[in-house]
Protein backbone atom coordinates (compact mmCIF):
# COMPACT_ATOMS: atom_id res chain seq x y z
CA MET A 1 40.84 29.72 31.77
CA LYS A 2 42.64 32.97 31.43
CA THR A 3 41.36 35.63 28.79
CA ILE A 4 43.56 37.80 26.74
CA LEU A 5 42.80 40.76 24.89
CA VAL A 6 44.25 40.54 21.33
CA ALA A 7 44.86 44.06 19.77
CA GLU A 8 45.86 43.13 16.20
CA ASP A 9 44.51 44.72 12.96
CA ASN A 10 46.28 42.65 10.67
CA ASP A 11 44.18 39.19 9.84
CA SER A 12 47.18 36.99 9.33
CA ASN A 13 48.89 37.89 12.37
CA TYR A 14 45.61 37.64 14.13
CA ILE A 15 45.28 34.23 12.92
CA LEU A 16 48.67 33.35 14.11
CA MET A 17 47.91 34.39 17.54
CA THR A 18 44.79 32.50 17.78
CA TYR A 19 46.82 29.55 16.87
CA ILE A 20 49.16 29.97 19.45
CA LEU A 21 46.98 30.95 22.19
CA LYS A 22 43.84 28.20 21.39
CA ARG A 23 44.95 25.49 23.67
CA ASP A 24 45.62 27.61 27.18
CA TYR A 25 43.74 30.49 27.08
CA GLN A 26 40.33 32.26 25.79
CA PHE A 27 40.80 35.38 23.92
CA GLN A 28 39.32 38.44 21.82
CA ARG A 29 39.91 40.70 19.22
CA ALA A 30 40.04 44.24 19.09
CA GLN A 31 41.03 45.24 15.22
CA ASN A 32 42.29 48.90 16.26
CA GLY A 33 43.55 50.97 19.43
CA VAL A 34 40.25 52.56 20.02
CA GLU A 35 38.45 49.08 20.30
CA ALA A 36 41.15 47.86 22.59
CA VAL A 37 40.70 50.66 24.99
CA GLU A 38 36.88 50.16 25.01
CA LEU A 39 37.39 46.46 25.45
CA ALA A 40 39.74 46.75 28.02
CA ASN A 41 37.35 49.13 30.19
CA THR A 42 34.28 46.77 29.54
CA GLY A 43 35.88 43.34 29.71
CA ASN A 44 37.32 40.99 32.14
CA PHE A 45 40.98 40.30 30.81
CA ASP A 46 44.12 39.18 32.26
CA LEU A 47 46.32 40.43 30.13
CA VAL A 48 46.64 42.38 26.51
CA LEU A 49 48.82 41.53 23.48
CA MET A 50 49.03 44.91 22.08
CA ASP A 51 49.95 45.63 18.24
CA ILE A 52 51.79 48.81 18.11
CA LYS A 53 50.90 49.89 14.63
CA MET A 54 47.06 50.01 14.12
CA PRO A 55 44.49 52.51 12.91
CA LEU A 56 42.69 55.27 14.38
CA MET A 57 45.00 54.93 17.55
CA ASP A 58 48.12 53.23 17.76
CA GLY A 59 49.12 50.66 20.57
CA LEU A 60 51.27 52.88 22.37
CA GLU A 61 48.58 55.55 23.02
CA ALA A 62 46.10 52.51 23.74
CA THR A 63 48.47 51.08 25.99
CA THR A 64 48.74 54.69 28.06
CA LYS A 65 44.93 54.79 28.23
CA ILE A 66 44.49 51.52 29.46
CA LYS A 67 47.09 51.69 32.08
CA GLU A 68 45.38 55.07 33.26
CA ALA A 69 42.10 52.67 34.25
CA HIS A 70 43.84 49.16 34.57
CA PRO A 71 47.31 49.88 36.16
CA ASP A 72 47.52 46.22 36.87
CA LEU A 73 46.64 44.57 33.72
CA PRO A 74 49.80 43.37 31.73
CA ILE A 75 50.09 44.31 28.35
CA ILE A 76 52.89 42.99 26.19
CA ALA A 77 53.62 44.56 23.20
CA LEU A 78 53.75 43.03 20.02
CA THR A 79 55.74 44.52 17.05
CA ALA A 80 57.78 44.57 13.69
CA ASN A 81 59.63 47.00 14.86
CA ALA A 82 62.51 45.14 17.27
CA PHE A 83 64.79 48.14 17.77
CA ASP A 84 65.80 48.98 21.25
CA SER A 85 64.06 52.80 20.94
CA ASP A 86 60.81 50.78 19.74
CA ARG A 87 60.99 48.77 23.21
CA GLN A 88 61.82 51.73 25.01
CA LEU A 89 58.88 53.28 23.69
CA ALA A 90 56.59 50.58 24.20
CA ILE A 91 57.92 50.30 28.25
CA LYS A 92 57.48 54.27 28.38
CA ALA A 93 53.92 53.89 27.41
CA GLY A 94 53.39 51.22 29.92
CA CYS A 95 53.78 47.74 28.37
CA ASP A 96 55.02 45.38 30.73
CA ASP A 97 57.19 43.19 28.04
CA PHE A 98 58.04 43.37 24.17
CA LEU A 99 57.67 40.66 21.53
CA SER A 100 58.78 41.29 18.04
CA LYS A 101 57.19 39.69 14.97
CA PRO A 102 57.09 37.43 13.57
CA VAL A 103 56.04 35.79 16.86
CA ASN A 104 57.77 32.77 18.11
CA SER A 105 55.02 30.72 19.81
CA GLU A 106 57.23 29.34 22.78
CA LYS A 107 58.65 32.75 23.43
CA CYS A 108 54.89 34.38 23.09
CA LEU A 109 53.36 31.70 25.58
CA SER A 110 56.33 31.89 28.24
CA THR A 111 56.21 35.64 27.99
CA ILE A 112 52.36 35.08 29.03
CA ALA A 113 52.93 32.69 31.74
CA LYS A 114 55.25 34.99 33.46
CA PHE A 115 52.26 37.44 34.20
CA ILE A 116 49.39 35.11 34.47
CA GLY A 117 50.51 31.33 34.11
CA LYS A 118 48.92 28.80 32.22
């Protein structure tokens, strides 16, 4: 089963993600950007779901650091900021795709499947 790193500091958003992912994927949580980078460097993940606004290190900086070490690891940005400029910043940081919150479960799963299958 594929494993996803869910970088999300908000408990209710993380619970929603576990509900969406639990049938098809294994997952592990990072509660801030620093933890996301550390876990990505030590874990064996197939994909990262990256919240953009997090404490200690935001998702854009964490994405840049993860992509430097793991350029082929797909990262999907998750953010409440759904402006085109936010999408451009996420892509520039290295995100492979972008989902806005609140996350639609079907769109989330189809976006993940695009990169790693089911």
